[in-house]
Amino acid sequence: MSKQYHVMWASVAQTDLKQIIDYIALESPGNALQVLGRIKQKASDLYTLPDRGRIVPELKEQGINIYQEIIVPPLRIIYRISDSTVFVLSVIDSRRNVEDILLDRFIR
């Protein structure tokens, strides 16, 4: 049996998600609920195999390999694994300048 992890959301990731869903809901409340469901499901799935994600390319270029991501197009769920906990740290729309957002949050 695989090790199980606890998935915890950082407050900034919760804020990211709320802002994204609120924005989508302005045009389509139904679509917003579908997107919310997909994101929550993908993040919840990390409790069994968190290493399924890839290392965040923009951070890897900076020599930082502790952050991973899973994609729910066009959104990126950024997380870090520590012991038996997966910390969801950000939910970012990949159409934005992701590199600047990540470097500002995780390096500076």
PDB file of N, CA and C in Angstrom:
ATOM      1  N   MET A   1       0.842  -1.189   0.000  1.00  0.00           N
ATOM      2  CA  MET A   1       0.000   0.000   0.000  1.00  0.00           C
ATOM      3  C   MET A   1       0.883   1.247   0.000  1.00  0.00           C
ATOM      4  N   SER A   2       0.508   2.247  -0.796  1.00  0.00           N
ATOM      5  CA  SER A   2       1.295   3.473  -0.887  1.00  0.00           C
ATOM      6  C   SER A   2       1.107   4.329   0.358  1.00  0.00           C
ATOM      7  N   LYS A   3       2.146   5.106   0.595  1.00  0.00           N
ATOM      8  CA  LYS A   3       2.083   6.082   1.677  1.00  0.00           C
ATOM      9  C   LYS A   3       1.017   7.119   1.341  1.00  0.00           C
ATOM     10  N   GLN A   4       0.281   7.545   2.355  1.00  0.00           N
ATOM     11  CA  GLN A   4      -0.713   8.591   2.129  1.00  0.00           C
ATOM     12  C   GLN A   4      -0.231   9.898   2.751  1.00  0.00           C
ATOM     13  N   TYR A   5      -0.516  10.969   2.064  1.00  0.00           N
ATOM     14  CA  TYR A   5      -0.101  12.299   2.472  1.00  0.00           C
ATOM     15  C   TYR A   5      -1.320  13.121   2.855  1.00  0.00           C
ATOM     16  N   HIS A   6      -1.085  14.113   3.661  1.00  0.00           N
ATOM     17  CA  HIS A   6      -2.127  15.074   4.013  1.00  0.00           C
ATOM     18  C   HIS A   6      -1.945  16.285   3.100  1.00  0.00           C
ATOM     19  N   VAL A   7      -3.010  16.744   2.474  1.00  0.00           N
ATOM     20  CA  VAL A   7      -2.937  17.900   1.565  1.00  0.00           C
ATOM     21  C   VAL A   7      -3.454  19.133   2.305  1.00  0.00           C
ATOM     22  N   MET A   8      -2.593  20.147   2.398  1.00  0.00           N
ATOM     23  CA  MET A   8      -2.957  21.393   3.072  1.00  0.00           C
ATOM     24  C   MET A   8      -2.807  22.557   2.100  1.00  0.00           C
ATOM     25  N   TRP A   9      -3.749  23.481   2.148  1.00  0.00           N
ATOM     26  CA  TRP A   9      -3.734  24.662   1.279  1.00  0.00           C
ATOM     27  C   TRP A   9      -3.202  25.865   2.050  1.00  0.00           C
ATOM     28  N   ALA A  10      -2.192  26.526   1.503  1.00  0.00           N
ATOM     29  CA  ALA A  10      -1.702  27.786   2.068  1.00  0.00           C
ATOM     30  C   ALA A  10      -2.752  28.867   1.820  1.00  0.00           C
ATOM     31  N   SER A  11      -2.772  29.865   2.672  1.00  0.00           N
ATOM     32  CA  SER A  11      -3.780  30.918   2.517  1.00  0.00           C
ATOM     33  C   SER A  11      -3.639  31.649   1.183  1.00  0.00           C
ATOM     34  N   VAL A  12      -2.410  31.841   0.704  1.00  0.00           N
ATOM     35  CA  VAL A  12      -2.231  32.519  -0.583  1.00  0.00           C
ATOM     36  C   VAL A  12      -2.811  31.668  -1.717  1.00  0.00           C
ATOM     37  N   ALA A  13      -2.692  30.355  -1.624  1.00  0.00           N
ATOM     38  CA  ALA A  13      -3.276  29.479  -2.653  1.00  0.00           C
ATOM     39  C   ALA A  13      -4.800  29.539  -2.605  1.00  0.00           C
ATOM     40  N   GLN A  14      -5.350  29.611  -1.411  1.00  0.00           N
ATOM     41  CA  GLN A  14      -6.807  29.739  -1.286  1.00  0.00           C
ATOM     42  C   GLN A  14      -7.272  31.061  -1.893  1.00  0.00           C
ATOM     43  N   THR A  15      -6.503  32.121  -1.664  1.00  0.00           N
ATOM     44  CA  THR A  15      -6.830  33.427  -2.240  1.00  0.00           C
ATOM     45  C   THR A  15      -6.724  33.383  -3.762  1.00  0.00           C
ATOM     46  N   ASP A  16      -5.653  32.754  -4.275  1.00  0.00           N
ATOM     47  CA  ASP A  16      -5.503  32.592  -5.722  1.00  0.00           C
ATOM     48  C   ASP A  16      -6.738  31.923  -6.306  1.00  0.00           C
ATOM     49  N   LEU A  17      -7.124  30.815  -5.701  1.00  0.00           N
ATOM     50  CA  LEU A  17      -8.256  30.030  -6.204  1.00  0.00           C
ATOM     51  C   LEU A  17      -9.540  30.848  -6.168  1.00  0.00           C
ATOM     52  N   LYS A  18      -9.776  31.551  -5.079  1.00  0.00           N
ATOM     53  CA  LYS A  18     -10.993  32.365  -4.967  1.00  0.00           C
ATOM     54  C   LYS A  18     -11.033  33.434  -6.057  1.00  0.00           C
ATOM     55  N   GLN A  19      -9.908  34.100  -6.287  1.00  0.00           N
ATOM     56  CA  GLN A  19      -9.865  35.150  -7.308  1.00  0.00           C
ATOM     57  C   GLN A  19     -10.115  34.583  -8.707  1.00  0.00           C
ATOM     58  N   ILE A  20      -9.535  33.429  -8.984  1.00  0.00           N
ATOM     59  CA  ILE A  20      -9.725  32.803 -10.294  1.00  0.00           C
ATOM     60  C   ILE A  20     -11.187  32.394 -10.486  1.00  0.00           C
ATOM     61  N   ILE A  21     -11.753  31.764  -9.494  1.00  0.00           N
ATOM     62  CA  ILE A  21     -13.146  31.300  -9.601  1.00  0.00           C
ATOM     63  C   ILE A  21     -14.101  32.491  -9.682  1.00  0.00           C
ATOM     64  N   ASP A  22     -13.860  33.527  -8.885  1.00  0.00           N
ATOM     65  CA  ASP A  22     -14.700  34.733  -8.954  1.00  0.00           C
ATOM     66  C   ASP A  22     -14.650  35.352 -10.349  1.00  0.00           C
ATOM     67  N   TYR A  23     -13.466  35.389 -10.948  1.00  0.00           N
ATOM     68  CA  TYR A  23     -13.308  35.966 -12.285  1.00  0.00           C
ATOM     69  C   TYR A  23     -14.079  35.144 -13.322  1.00  0.00           C
ATOM     70  N   ILE A  24     -13.936  33.832 -13.267  1.00  0.00           N
ATOM     71  CA  ILE A  24     -14.648  32.959 -14.212  1.00  0.00           C
ATOM     72  C   ILE A  24     -16.154  33.082 -14.015  1.00  0.00           C
ATOM     73  N   ALA A  25     -16.586  33.200 -12.768  1.00  0.00           N
ATOM     74  CA  ALA A  25     -18.018  33.268 -12.450  1.00  0.00           C
ATOM     75  C   ALA A  25     -18.689  34.520 -13.007  1.00  0.00           C
ATOM     76  N   LEU A  26     -17.908  35.563 -13.258  1.00  0.00           N
ATOM     77  CA  LEU A  26     -18.497  36.774 -13.835  1.00  0.00           C
ATOM     78  C   LEU A  26     -19.155  36.480 -15.178  1.00  0.00           C
ATOM     79  N   GLU A  27     -18.549  35.586 -15.952  1.00  0.00           N
ATOM     80  CA  GLU A  27     -19.103  35.223 -17.255  1.00  0.00           C
ATOM     81  C   GLU A  27     -19.941  33.957 -17.208  1.00  0.00           C
ATOM     82  N   SER A  28     -19.519  33.005 -16.371  1.00  0.00           N
ATOM     83  CA  SER A  28     -20.203  31.719 -16.367  1.00  0.00           C
ATOM     84  C   SER A  28     -20.099  31.034 -15.004  1.00  0.00           C
ATOM     85  N   PRO A  29     -21.109  31.240 -14.150  1.00  0.00           N
ATOM     86  CA  PRO A  29     -21.084  30.598 -12.837  1.00  0.00           C
ATOM     87  C   PRO A  29     -20.976  29.069 -12.921  1.00  0.00           C
ATOM     88  N   GLY A  30     -21.619  28.482 -13.899  1.00  0.00           N
ATOM     89  CA  GLY A  30     -21.554  27.027 -14.058  1.00  0.00           C
ATOM     90  C   GLY A  30     -20.146  26.557 -14.388  1.00  0.00           C
ATOM     91  N   ASN A  31     -19.495  27.264 -15.280  1.00  0.00           N
ATOM     92  CA  ASN A  31     -18.124  26.929 -15.635  1.00  0.00           C
ATOM     93  C   ASN A  31     -17.195  27.112 -14.438  1.00  0.00           C
ATOM     94  N   ALA A  32     -17.436  28.151 -13.657  1.00  0.00           N
ATOM     95  CA  ALA A  32     -16.624  28.401 -12.462  1.00  0.00           C
ATOM     96  C   ALA A  32     -16.709  27.214 -11.505  1.00  0.00           C
ATOM     97  N   LEU A  33     -17.893  26.672 -11.322  1.00  0.00           N
ATOM     98  CA  LEU A  33     -18.056  25.509 -10.439  1.00  0.00           C
ATOM     99  C   LEU A  33     -17.337  24.285 -10.986  1.00  0.00           C
ATOM    100  N   GLN A  34     -17.373  24.101 -12.300  1.00  0.00           N
ATOM    101  CA  GLN A  34     -16.661  22.973 -12.914  1.00  0.00           C
ATOM    102  C   GLN A  34     -15.154  23.109 -12.726  1.00  0.00           C
ATOM    103  N   VAL A  35     -14.633  24.301 -12.944  1.00  0.00           N
ATOM    104  CA  VAL A  35     -13.198  24.540 -12.782  1.00  0.00           C
ATOM    105  C   VAL A  35     -12.798  24.316 -11.318  1.00  0.00           C
ATOM    106  N   LEU A  36     -13.596  24.830 -10.405  1.00  0.00           N
ATOM    107  CA  LEU A  36     -13.327  24.640  -8.979  1.00  0.00           C
ATOM    108  C   LEU A  36     -13.281  23.152  -8.639  1.00  0.00           C
ATOM    109  N   GLY A  37     -14.220  22.403  -9.137  1.00  0.00           N
ATOM    110  CA  GLY A  37     -14.258  20.965  -8.884  1.00  0.00           C
ATOM    111  C   GLY A  37     -13.031  20.250  -9.420  1.00  0.00           C
ATOM    112  N   ARG A  38     -12.606  20.620 -10.633  1.00  0.00           N
ATOM    113  CA  ARG A  38     -11.424  19.983 -11.238  1.00  0.00           C
ATOM    114  C   ARG A  38     -10.159  20.302 -10.444  1.00  0.00           C
ATOM    115  N   ILE A  39     -10.025  21.542 -10.015  1.00  0.00           N
ATOM    116  CA  ILE A  39      -8.841  21.935  -9.248  1.00  0.00           C
ATOM    117  C   ILE A  39      -8.818  21.223  -7.902  1.00  0.00           C
ATOM    118  N   LYS A  40      -9.928  21.236  -7.220  1.00  0.00           N
ATOM    119  CA  LYS A  40      -9.996  20.580  -5.909  1.00  0.00           C
ATOM    120  C   LYS A  40      -9.722  19.082  -6.030  1.00  0.00           C
ATOM    121  N   GLN A  41     -10.236  18.450  -7.085  1.00  0.00           N
ATOM    122  CA  GLN A  41     -10.020  17.015  -7.275  1.00  0.00           C
ATOM    123  C   GLN A  41      -8.552  16.715  -7.554  1.00  0.00           C
ATOM    124  N   LYS A  42      -7.930  17.485  -8.445  1.00  0.00           N
ATOM    125  CA  LYS A  42      -6.510  17.277  -8.765  1.00  0.00           C
ATOM    126  C   LYS A  42      -5.647  17.455  -7.519  1.00  0.00           C
ATOM    127  N   ALA A  43      -5.943  18.485  -6.732  1.00  0.00           N
ATOM    128  CA  ALA A  43      -5.166  18.724  -5.513  1.00  0.00           C
ATOM    129  C   ALA A  43      -5.396  17.597  -4.502  1.00  0.00           C
ATOM    130  N   SER A  44      -6.622  17.146  -4.374  1.00  0.00           N
ATOM    131  CA  SER A  44      -6.923  16.051  -3.447  1.00  0.00           C
ATOM    132  C   SER A  44      -6.236  14.759  -3.855  1.00  0.00           C
ATOM    133  N   ASP A  45      -6.086  14.544  -5.157  1.00  0.00           N
ATOM    134  CA  ASP A  45      -5.425  13.339  -5.650  1.00  0.00           C
ATOM    135  C   ASP A  45      -3.960  13.265  -5.223  1.00  0.00           C
ATOM    136  N   LEU A  46      -3.381  14.377  -4.820  1.00  0.00           N
ATOM    137  CA  LEU A  46      -1.987  14.394  -4.402  1.00  0.00           C
ATOM    138  C   LEU A  46      -1.759  13.605  -3.113  1.00  0.00           C
ATOM    139  N   TYR A  47      -2.820  13.239  -2.413  1.00  0.00           N
ATOM    140  CA  TYR A  47      -2.637  12.528  -1.147  1.00  0.00           C
ATOM    141  C   TYR A  47      -2.028  11.146  -1.345  1.00  0.00           C
ATOM    142  N   THR A  48      -2.110  10.582  -2.542  1.00  0.00           N
ATOM    143  CA  THR A  48      -1.529   9.259  -2.750  1.00  0.00           C
ATOM    144  C   THR A  48      -0.215   9.287  -3.518  1.00  0.00           C
ATOM    145  N   LEU A  49      -0.109  10.079  -4.549  1.00  0.00           N
ATOM    146  CA  LEU A  49       1.116  10.108  -5.366  1.00  0.00           C
ATOM    147  C   LEU A  49       1.543  11.546  -5.673  1.00  0.00           C
ATOM    148  N   PRO A  50       2.037  12.260  -4.679  1.00  0.00           N
ATOM    149  CA  PRO A  50       2.369  13.664  -4.926  1.00  0.00           C
ATOM    150  C   PRO A  50       3.535  13.864  -5.891  1.00  0.00           C
ATOM    151  N   ASP A  51       4.366  12.855  -6.070  1.00  0.00           N
ATOM    152  CA  ASP A  51       5.498  13.003  -6.979  1.00  0.00           C
ATOM    153  C   ASP A  51       5.102  12.921  -8.454  1.00  0.00           C
ATOM    154  N   ARG A  52       3.813  12.779  -8.727  1.00  0.00           N
ATOM    155  CA  ARG A  52       3.364  12.709 -10.120  1.00  0.00           C
ATOM    156  C   ARG A  52       3.552  14.029 -10.853  1.00  0.00           C
ATOM    157  N   GLY A  53       3.645  15.117 -10.123  1.00  0.00           N
ATOM    158  CA  GLY A  53       3.826  16.419 -10.754  1.00  0.00           C
ATOM    159  C   GLY A  53       5.258  16.613 -11.232  1.00  0.00           C
ATOM    160  N   ARG A  54       5.445  17.635 -12.037  1.00  0.00           N
ATOM    161  CA  ARG A  54       6.790  17.947 -12.517  1.00  0.00           C
ATOM    162  C   ARG A  54       7.373  19.085 -11.679  1.00  0.00           C
ATOM    163  N   ILE A  55       8.682  19.203 -11.698  1.00  0.00           N
ATOM    164  CA  ILE A  55       9.334  20.335 -11.051  1.00  0.00           C
ATOM    165  C   ILE A  55       8.971  21.579 -11.859  1.00  0.00           C
ATOM    166  N   VAL A  56       8.664  22.667 -11.178  1.00  0.00           N
ATOM    167  CA  VAL A  56       8.259  23.903 -11.844  1.00  0.00           C
ATOM    168  C   VAL A  56       9.433  24.412 -12.699  1.00  0.00           C
ATOM    169  N   PRO A  57       9.252  24.438 -14.029  1.00  0.00           N
ATOM    170  CA  PRO A  57      10.364  24.778 -14.934  1.00  0.00           C
ATOM    171  C   PRO A  57      11.012  26.132 -14.652  1.00  0.00           C
ATOM    172  N   GLU A  58      10.213  27.150 -14.367  1.00  0.00           N
ATOM    173  CA  GLU A  58      10.760  28.492 -14.141  1.00  0.00           C
ATOM    174  C   GLU A  58      11.649  28.529 -12.899  1.00  0.00           C
ATOM    175  N   LEU A  59      11.328  27.707 -11.907  1.00  0.00           N
ATOM    176  CA  LEU A  59      12.141  27.671 -10.698  1.00  0.00           C
ATOM    177  C   LEU A  59      13.333  26.739 -10.877  1.00  0.00           C
ATOM    178  N   LYS A  60      13.138  25.677 -11.634  1.00  0.00           N
ATOM    179  CA  LYS A  60      14.236  24.749 -11.914  1.00  0.00           C
ATOM    180  C   LYS A  60      15.389  25.476 -12.595  1.00  0.00           C
ATOM    181  N   GLU A  61      15.049  26.409 -13.489  1.00  0.00           N
ATOM    182  CA  GLU A  61      16.076  27.213 -14.162  1.00  0.00           C
ATOM    183  C   GLU A  61      16.899  28.026 -13.168  1.00  0.00           C
ATOM    184  N   GLN A  62      16.322  28.318 -12.009  1.00  0.00           N
ATOM    185  CA  GLN A  62      17.006  29.079 -10.962  1.00  0.00           C
ATOM    186  C   GLN A  62      17.702  28.145  -9.961  1.00  0.00           C
ATOM    187  N   GLY A  63      17.666  26.836 -10.228  1.00  0.00           N
ATOM    188  CA  GLY A  63      18.297  25.862  -9.345  1.00  0.00           C
ATOM    189  C   GLY A  63      17.427  25.455  -8.168  1.00  0.00           C
ATOM    190  N   ILE A  64      16.136  25.755  -8.247  1.00  0.00           N
ATOM    191  CA  ILE A  64      15.203  25.435  -7.159  1.00  0.00           C
ATOM    192  C   ILE A  64      14.360  24.242  -7.593  1.00  0.00           C
ATOM    193  N   ASN A  65      14.537  23.119  -6.897  1.00  0.00           N
ATOM    194  CA  ASN A  65      13.885  21.882  -7.309  1.00  0.00           C
ATOM    195  C   ASN A  65      12.883  21.331  -6.294  1.00  0.00           C
ATOM    196  N   ILE A  66      12.500  22.115  -5.309  1.00  0.00           N
ATOM    197  CA  ILE A  66      11.613  21.590  -4.267  1.00  0.00           C
ATOM    198  C   ILE A  66      10.127  21.842  -4.549  1.00  0.00           C
ATOM    199  N   TYR A  67       9.831  22.610  -5.599  1.00  0.00           N
ATOM    200  CA  TYR A  67       8.439  22.912  -5.913  1.00  0.00           C
ATOM    201  C   TYR A  67       8.009  22.128  -7.145  1.00  0.00           C
ATOM    202  N   GLN A  68       6.823  21.545  -7.056  1.00  0.00           N
ATOM    203  CA  GLN A  68       6.277  20.782  -8.166  1.00  0.00           C
ATOM    204  C   GLN A  68       4.944  21.399  -8.581  1.00  0.00           C
ATOM    205  N   GLU A  69       4.449  20.934  -9.726  1.00  0.00           N
ATOM    206  CA  GLU A  69       3.169  21.438 -10.198  1.00  0.00           C
ATOM    207  C   GLU A  69       2.406  20.356 -10.937  1.00  0.00           C
ATOM    208  N   ILE A  70       1.107  20.504 -10.887  1.00  0.00           N
ATOM    209  CA  ILE A  70       0.212  19.734 -11.743  1.00  0.00           C
ATOM    210  C   ILE A  70      -0.603  20.749 -12.518  1.00  0.00           C
ATOM    211  N   ILE A  71      -0.999  20.354 -13.701  1.00  0.00           N
ATOM    212  CA  ILE A  71      -1.679  21.277 -14.607  1.00  0.00           C
ATOM    213  C   ILE A  71      -3.156  20.922 -14.714  1.00  0.00           C
ATOM    214  N   VAL A  72      -3.983  21.942 -14.595  1.00  0.00           N
ATOM    215  CA  VAL A  72      -5.412  21.866 -14.905  1.00  0.00           C
ATOM    216  C   VAL A  72      -5.616  23.012 -15.894  1.00  0.00           C
ATOM    217  N   PRO A  73      -5.412  22.735 -17.190  1.00  0.00           N
ATOM    218  CA  PRO A  73      -5.330  23.810 -18.185  1.00  0.00           C
ATOM    219  C   PRO A  73      -6.438  24.848 -18.056  1.00  0.00           C
ATOM    220  N   PRO A  74      -6.106  26.129 -18.074  1.00  0.00           N
ATOM    221  CA  PRO A  74      -4.781  26.737 -18.205  1.00  0.00           C
ATOM    222  C   PRO A  74      -4.128  27.022 -16.856  1.00  0.00           C
ATOM    223  N   LEU A  75      -4.587  26.370 -15.805  1.00  0.00           N
ATOM    224  CA  LEU A  75      -4.107  26.672 -14.453  1.00  0.00           C
ATOM    225  C   LEU A  75      -3.004  25.720 -14.020  1.00  0.00           C
ATOM    226  N   ARG A  76      -2.134  26.243 -13.169  1.00  0.00           N
ATOM    227  CA  ARG A  76      -1.031  25.465 -12.615  1.00  0.00           C
ATOM    228  C   ARG A  76      -1.165  25.456 -11.095  1.00  0.00           C
ATOM    229  N   ILE A  77      -1.173  24.272 -10.512  1.00  0.00           N
ATOM    230  CA  ILE A  77      -1.241  24.114  -9.063  1.00  0.00           C
ATOM    231  C   ILE A  77       0.191  23.832  -8.589  1.00  0.00           C
ATOM    232  N   ILE A  78       0.755  24.765  -7.830  1.00  0.00           N
ATOM    233  CA  ILE A  78       2.136  24.664  -7.363  1.00  0.00           C
ATOM    234  C   ILE A  78       2.107  24.143  -5.925  1.00  0.00           C
ATOM    235  N   TYR A  79       2.966  23.163  -5.643  1.00  0.00           N
ATOM    236  CA  TYR A  79       2.981  22.573  -4.303  1.00  0.00           C
ATOM    237  C   TYR A  79       4.383  22.127  -3.916  1.00  0.00           C
ATOM    238  N   ARG A  80       4.517  21.816  -2.633  1.00  0.00           N
ATOM    239  CA  ARG A  80       5.773  21.322  -2.071  1.00  0.00           C
ATOM    240  C   ARG A  80       5.442  20.150  -1.161  1.00  0.00           C
ATOM    241  N   ILE A  81       6.281  19.138  -1.195  1.00  0.00           N
ATOM    242  CA  ILE A  81       6.095  17.965  -0.336  1.00  0.00           C
ATOM    243  C   ILE A  81       7.062  18.082   0.827  1.00  0.00           C
ATOM    244  N   SER A  82       6.538  17.884   2.030  1.00  0.00           N
ATOM    245  CA  SER A  82       7.378  17.894   3.231  1.00  0.00           C
ATOM    246  C   SER A  82       6.906  16.769   4.136  1.00  0.00           C
ATOM    247  N   ASP A  83       7.773  15.783   4.337  1.00  0.00           N
ATOM    248  CA  ASP A  83       7.433  14.601   5.125  1.00  0.00           C
ATOM    249  C   ASP A  83       6.164  13.958   4.574  1.00  0.00           C
ATOM    250  N   SER A  84       5.093  13.960   5.363  1.00  0.00           N
ATOM    251  CA  SER A  84       3.855  13.328   4.908  1.00  0.00           C
ATOM    252  C   SER A  84       2.779  14.361   4.569  1.00  0.00           C
ATOM    253  N   THR A  85       3.199  15.580   4.268  1.00  0.00           N
ATOM    254  CA  THR A  85       2.255  16.647   3.944  1.00  0.00           C
ATOM    255  C   THR A  85       2.588  17.250   2.583  1.00  0.00           C
ATOM    256  N   VAL A  86       1.541  17.498   1.817  1.00  0.00           N
ATOM    257  CA  VAL A  86       1.661  18.224   0.551  1.00  0.00           C
ATOM    258  C   VAL A  86       1.060  19.607   0.799  1.00  0.00           C
ATOM    259  N   PHE A  87       1.874  20.632   0.617  1.00  0.00           N
ATOM    260  CA  PHE A  87       1.421  21.999   0.800  1.00  0.00           C
ATOM    261  C   PHE A  87       1.120  22.616  -0.563  1.00  0.00           C
ATOM    262  N   VAL A  88      -0.156  22.905  -0.826  1.00  0.00           N
ATOM    263  CA  VAL A  88      -0.540  23.608  -2.049  1.00  0.00           C
ATOM    264  C   VAL A  88      -0.239  25.080  -1.792  1.00  0.00           C
ATOM    265  N   LEU A  89       0.657  25.644  -2.613  1.00  0.00           N
ATOM    266  CA  LEU A  89       1.180  26.983  -2.350  1.00  0.00           C
ATOM    267  C   LEU A  89       0.617  28.067  -3.255  1.00  0.00           C
ATOM    268  N   SER A  90       0.233  27.709  -4.470  1.00  0.00           N
ATOM    269  CA  SER A  90      -0.278  28.707  -5.417  1.00  0.00           C
ATOM    270  C   SER A  90      -1.128  28.023  -6.476  1.00  0.00           C
ATOM    271  N   VAL A  91      -2.079  28.774  -6.984  1.00  0.00           N
ATOM    272  CA  VAL A  91      -2.834  28.377  -8.172  1.00  0.00           C
ATOM    273  C   VAL A  91      -2.713  29.563  -9.112  1.00  0.00           C
ATOM    274  N   ILE A  92      -2.055  29.338 -10.254  1.00  0.00           N
ATOM    275  CA  ILE A  92      -1.718  30.442 -11.147  1.00  0.00           C
ATOM    276  C   ILE A  92      -2.222  30.146 -12.555  1.00  0.00           C
ATOM    277  N   ASP A  93      -2.785  31.169 -13.178  1.00  0.00           N
ATOM    278  CA  ASP A  93      -3.189  31.067 -14.571  1.00  0.00           C
ATOM    279  C   ASP A  93      -1.933  31.141 -15.426  1.00  0.00           C
ATOM    280  N   SER A  94      -1.675  30.117 -16.220  1.00  0.00           N
ATOM    281  CA  SER A  94      -0.439  30.057 -17.000  1.00  0.00           C
ATOM    282  C   SER A  94      -0.371  31.117 -18.098  1.00  0.00           C
ATOM    283  N   ARG A  95      -1.457  31.820 -18.346  1.00  0.00           N
ATOM    284  CA  ARG A  95      -1.436  32.886 -19.353  1.00  0.00           C
ATOM    285  C   ARG A  95      -0.844  34.174 -18.788  1.00  0.00           C
ATOM    286  N   ARG A  96      -0.638  34.192 -17.457  1.00  0.00           N
ATOM    287  CA  ARG A  96       0.004  35.351 -16.830  1.00  0.00           C
ATOM    288  C   ARG A  96       1.521  35.160 -16.852  1.00  0.00           C
ATOM    289  N   ASN A  97       2.259  36.163 -16.403  1.00  0.00           N
ATOM    290  CA  ASN A  97       3.712  36.052 -16.323  1.00  0.00           C
ATOM    291  C   ASN A  97       4.053  35.216 -15.093  1.00  0.00           C
ATOM    292  N   VAL A  98       4.047  33.925 -15.281  1.00  0.00           N
ATOM    293  CA  VAL A  98       4.207  32.976 -14.185  1.00  0.00           C
ATOM    294  C   VAL A  98       5.577  33.107 -13.523  1.00  0.00           C
ATOM    295  N   GLU A  99       6.597  33.309 -14.313  1.00  0.00           N
ATOM    296  CA  GLU A  99       7.949  33.385 -13.750  1.00  0.00           C
ATOM    297  C   GLU A  99       8.068  34.506 -12.720  1.00  0.00           C
ATOM    298  N   ASP A 100       7.569  35.688 -13.041  1.00  0.00           N
ATOM    299  CA  ASP A 100       7.639  36.808 -12.095  1.00  0.00           C
ATOM    300  C   ASP A 100       6.855  36.514 -10.822  1.00  0.00           C
ATOM    301  N   ILE A 101       5.677  35.921 -10.960  1.00  0.00           N
ATOM    302  CA  ILE A 101       4.848  35.599  -9.793  1.00  0.00           C
ATOM    303  C   ILE A 101       5.586  34.620  -8.887  1.00  0.00           C
ATOM    304  N   LEU A 102       6.120  33.552  -9.483  1.00  0.00           N
ATOM    305  CA  LEU A 102       6.797  32.528  -8.699  1.00  0.00           C
ATOM    306  C   LEU A 102       8.062  33.057  -8.041  1.00  0.00           C
ATOM    307  N   LEU A 103       8.863  33.769  -8.785  1.00  0.00           N
ATOM    308  CA  LEU A 103      10.097  34.300  -8.211  1.00  0.00           C
ATOM    309  C   LEU A 103       9.803  35.268  -7.069  1.00  0.00           C
ATOM    310  N   ASP A 104       8.756  36.054  -7.223  1.00  0.00           N
ATOM    311  CA  ASP A 104       8.381  36.993  -6.162  1.00  0.00           C
ATOM    312  C   ASP A 104       7.913  36.245  -4.909  1.00  0.00           C
ATOM    313  N   ARG A 105       7.150  35.187  -5.088  1.00  0.00           N
ATOM    314  CA  ARG A 105       6.604  34.453  -3.938  1.00  0.00           C
ATOM    315  C   ARG A 105       7.620  33.536  -3.270  1.00  0.00           C
ATOM    316  N   PHE A 106       8.460  32.886  -4.050  1.00  0.00           N
ATOM    317  CA  PHE A 106       9.286  31.824  -3.500  1.00  0.00           C
ATOM    318  C   PHE A 106      10.762  32.170  -3.328  1.00  0.00           C
ATOM    319  N   ILE A 107      11.205  33.273  -3.908  1.00  0.00           N
ATOM    320  CA  ILE A 107      12.633  33.586  -3.806  1.00  0.00           C
ATOM    321  C   ILE A 107      12.871  34.883  -3.043  1.00  0.00           C
ATOM    322  N   ARG A 108      12.171  35.918  -3.393  1.00  0.00           N
ATOM    323  CA  ARG A 108      12.459  37.244  -2.802  1.00  0.00           C
ATOM    324  C   ARG A 108      11.940  37.369  -1.417  1.00  0.00           C
TER     325      ARG A 108
END
